[in-house]
Amino acid sequence: MLARFQTYAPTALLAVLIAYFAFHAFTGERGLLMRDQRDATLAARKAELKRLEAQRNDLEVRAQLLRDTSLSADLLEERASSLLGYVGPRDYVIRTSR
């Protein structure tokens, strides 16, 4: 009986390994069934990246306008009045919460 078991043991072990890897190929973290979730996550991250790149470009333009070589008087006045809380007598102030 033991000899009969020893002849089928490698085949049974191989079958168990194939079943194990097949199971994880479908249901694992990077498995075939998780593809839709990965695609949705990738799309969300791409949208966030696009938003952050637009925000960064806006900040780079504003920083460029504040440099000594190309100082924008309007932007400087806007920042100074915002930081110091001063406004002109004919200016309208609309406060928004951020």
C-alpha atoms as a PDB file:
ATOM      1  CA  MET A   1       0.000   0.000   0.000  1.00  0.00           C
ATOM      2  CA  LEU A   2       2.850   2.379   0.869  1.00  0.00           C
ATOM      3  CA  ALA A   3       4.566   1.698  -2.446  1.00  0.00           C
ATOM      4  CA  ARG A   4       1.374   2.549  -4.280  1.00  0.00           C
ATOM      5  CA  PHE A   5       1.124   5.863  -2.394  1.00  0.00           C
ATOM      6  CA  GLN A   6       4.750   6.746  -3.192  1.00  0.00           C
ATOM      7  CA  THR A   7       4.137   6.376  -6.913  1.00  0.00           C
ATOM      8  CA  TYR A   8       1.224   8.847  -6.895  1.00  0.00           C
ATOM      9  CA  ALA A   9       2.666  11.337  -4.364  1.00  0.00           C
ATOM     10  CA  PRO A  10       4.621  13.488  -6.881  1.00  0.00           C
ATOM     11  CA  THR A  11       1.583  13.675  -9.161  1.00  0.00           C
ATOM     12  CA  ALA A  12      -0.684  14.662  -6.274  1.00  0.00           C
ATOM     13  CA  LEU A  13       1.810  17.289  -5.098  1.00  0.00           C
ATOM     14  CA  LEU A  14       2.031  18.718  -8.605  1.00  0.00           C
ATOM     15  CA  ALA A  15      -1.779  18.842  -8.855  1.00  0.00           C
ATOM     16  CA  VAL A  16      -1.997  20.679  -5.536  1.00  0.00           C
ATOM     17  CA  LEU A  17       0.629  23.219  -6.653  1.00  0.00           C
ATOM     18  CA  ILE A  18      -1.163  23.809  -9.962  1.00  0.00           C
ATOM     19  CA  ALA A  19      -4.465  24.324  -8.126  1.00  0.00           C
ATOM     20  CA  TYR A  20      -2.802  26.723  -5.654  1.00  0.00           C
ATOM     21  CA  PHE A  21      -1.242  28.902  -8.335  1.00  0.00           C
ATOM     22  CA  ALA A  22      -4.375  28.828 -10.502  1.00  0.00           C
ATOM     23  CA  PHE A  23      -6.485  29.966  -7.540  1.00  0.00           C
ATOM     24  CA  HIS A  24      -4.158  32.892  -6.840  1.00  0.00           C
ATOM     25  CA  ALA A  25      -3.908  33.798 -10.526  1.00  0.00           C
ATOM     26  CA  PHE A  26      -7.641  34.479 -10.496  1.00  0.00           C
ATOM     27  CA  THR A  27      -8.282  35.816  -7.001  1.00  0.00           C
ATOM     28  CA  GLY A  28      -4.961  37.267  -5.840  1.00  0.00           C
ATOM     29  CA  GLU A  29      -4.149  40.928  -5.396  1.00  0.00           C
ATOM     30  CA  ARG A  30      -2.955  41.112  -9.003  1.00  0.00           C
ATOM     31  CA  GLY A  31      -5.296  38.404 -10.260  1.00  0.00           C
ATOM     32  CA  LEU A  32      -7.538  38.423 -13.276  1.00  0.00           C
ATOM     33  CA  LEU A  33     -10.668  39.155 -11.254  1.00  0.00           C
ATOM     34  CA  MET A  34      -9.150  42.337  -9.759  1.00  0.00           C
ATOM     35  CA  ARG A  35      -8.457  43.900 -13.169  1.00  0.00           C
ATOM     36  CA  ASP A  36     -11.558  46.127 -13.152  1.00  0.00           C
ATOM     37  CA  GLN A  37     -10.692  47.497  -9.727  1.00  0.00           C
ATOM     38  CA  ARG A  38      -7.119  48.200 -10.828  1.00  0.00           C
ATOM     39  CA  ASP A  39      -8.385  49.983 -13.936  1.00  0.00           C
ATOM     40  CA  ALA A  40     -10.748  52.134 -11.875  1.00  0.00           C
ATOM     41  CA  THR A  41      -7.968  53.000  -9.438  1.00  0.00           C
ATOM     42  CA  LEU A  42      -5.657  53.866 -12.331  1.00  0.00           C
ATOM     43  CA  ALA A  43      -8.275  56.156 -13.883  1.00  0.00           C
ATOM     44  CA  ALA A  44      -8.833  57.925 -10.550  1.00  0.00           C
ATOM     45  CA  ARG A  45      -5.102  58.386 -10.060  1.00  0.00           C
ATOM     46  CA  LYS A  46      -4.698  59.764 -13.593  1.00  0.00           C
ATOM     47  CA  ALA A  47      -7.475  62.288 -12.960  1.00  0.00           C
ATOM     48  CA  GLU A  48      -5.818  63.317  -9.692  1.00  0.00           C
ATOM     49  CA  LEU A  49      -2.469  63.644 -11.454  1.00  0.00           C
ATOM     50  CA  LYS A  50      -4.007  65.875 -14.125  1.00  0.00           C
ATOM     51  CA  ARG A  51      -5.587  68.089 -11.439  1.00  0.00           C
ATOM     52  CA  LEU A  52      -2.332  68.339  -9.493  1.00  0.00           C
ATOM     53  CA  GLU A  53      -0.349  69.159 -12.636  1.00  0.00           C
ATOM     54  CA  ALA A  54      -2.790  71.973 -13.464  1.00  0.00           C
ATOM     55  CA  GLN A  55      -2.488  73.282  -9.901  1.00  0.00           C
ATOM     56  CA  ARG A  56       1.302  73.104 -10.093  1.00  0.00           C
ATOM     57  CA  ASN A  57       1.364  74.964 -13.411  1.00  0.00           C
ATOM     58  CA  ASP A  58      -0.833  77.691 -11.925  1.00  0.00           C
ATOM     59  CA  LEU A  59       1.476  78.016  -8.917  1.00  0.00           C
ATOM     60  CA  GLU A  60       4.542  78.135 -11.167  1.00  0.00           C
ATOM     61  CA  VAL A  61       3.016  80.970 -13.193  1.00  0.00           C
ATOM     62  CA  ARG A  62       2.121  82.873 -10.043  1.00  0.00           C
ATOM     63  CA  ALA A  63       5.614  82.331  -8.624  1.00  0.00           C
ATOM     64  CA  GLN A  64       7.141  83.538 -11.888  1.00  0.00           C
ATOM     65  CA  LEU A  65       5.093  86.727 -11.644  1.00  0.00           C
ATOM     66  CA  LEU A  66       6.448  87.366  -8.129  1.00  0.00           C
ATOM     67  CA  ARG A  67      10.129  87.146  -9.132  1.00  0.00           C
ATOM     68  CA  ASP A  68      12.261  90.300  -9.302  1.00  0.00           C
ATOM     69  CA  THR A  69      12.840  90.077 -13.041  1.00  0.00           C
ATOM     70  CA  SER A  70       9.152  89.996 -13.948  1.00  0.00           C
ATOM     71  CA  LEU A  71       7.283  91.467 -11.002  1.00  0.00           C
ATOM     72  CA  SER A  72       3.558  91.919 -11.610  1.00  0.00           C
ATOM     73  CA  ALA A  73       2.266  94.937  -9.733  1.00  0.00           C
ATOM     74  CA  ASP A  74      -1.300  93.632  -9.752  1.00  0.00           C
ATOM     75  CA  LEU A  75      -0.348  90.283  -8.278  1.00  0.00           C
ATOM     76  CA  LEU A  76       1.902  91.915  -5.692  1.00  0.00           C
ATOM     77  CA  GLU A  77      -0.885  94.273  -4.640  1.00  0.00           C
ATOM     78  CA  GLU A  78      -3.350  91.395  -4.444  1.00  0.00           C
ATOM     79  CA  ARG A  79      -1.046  89.307  -2.242  1.00  0.00           C
ATOM     80  CA  ALA A  80      -0.127  92.244   0.001  1.00  0.00           C
ATOM     81  CA  SER A  81      -3.740  93.230   0.593  1.00  0.00           C
ATOM     82  CA  SER A  82      -4.677  89.597   1.202  1.00  0.00           C
ATOM     83  CA  LEU A  83      -1.886  88.972   3.701  1.00  0.00           C
ATOM     84  CA  LEU A  84      -2.071  92.312   5.497  1.00  0.00           C
ATOM     85  CA  GLY A  85      -5.836  92.701   5.360  1.00  0.00           C
ATOM     86  CA  TYR A  86      -5.690  96.154   3.727  1.00  0.00           C
ATOM     87  CA  VAL A  87      -8.060  97.220   0.975  1.00  0.00           C
ATOM     88  CA  GLY A  88      -8.629 100.415  -0.912  1.00  0.00           C
ATOM     89  CA  PRO A  89     -11.557 102.689  -0.038  1.00  0.00           C
ATOM     90  CA  ARG A  90     -13.371 101.799  -3.285  1.00  0.00           C
ATOM     91  CA  ASP A  91     -12.615  98.058  -3.191  1.00  0.00           C
ATOM     92  CA  TYR A  92     -15.219  95.409  -2.539  1.00  0.00           C
ATOM     93  CA  VAL A  93     -14.152  92.490  -0.378  1.00  0.00           C
ATOM     94  CA  ILE A  94     -15.795  89.118  -0.792  1.00  0.00           C
ATOM     95  CA  ARG A  95     -14.583  86.579   1.749  1.00  0.00           C
ATOM     96  CA  THR A  96     -14.782  82.905   0.999  1.00  0.00           C
ATOM     97  CA  SER A  97     -13.952  80.043   3.293  1.00  0.00           C
ATOM     98  CA  ARG A  98     -11.179  77.737   2.064  1.00  0.00           C
END
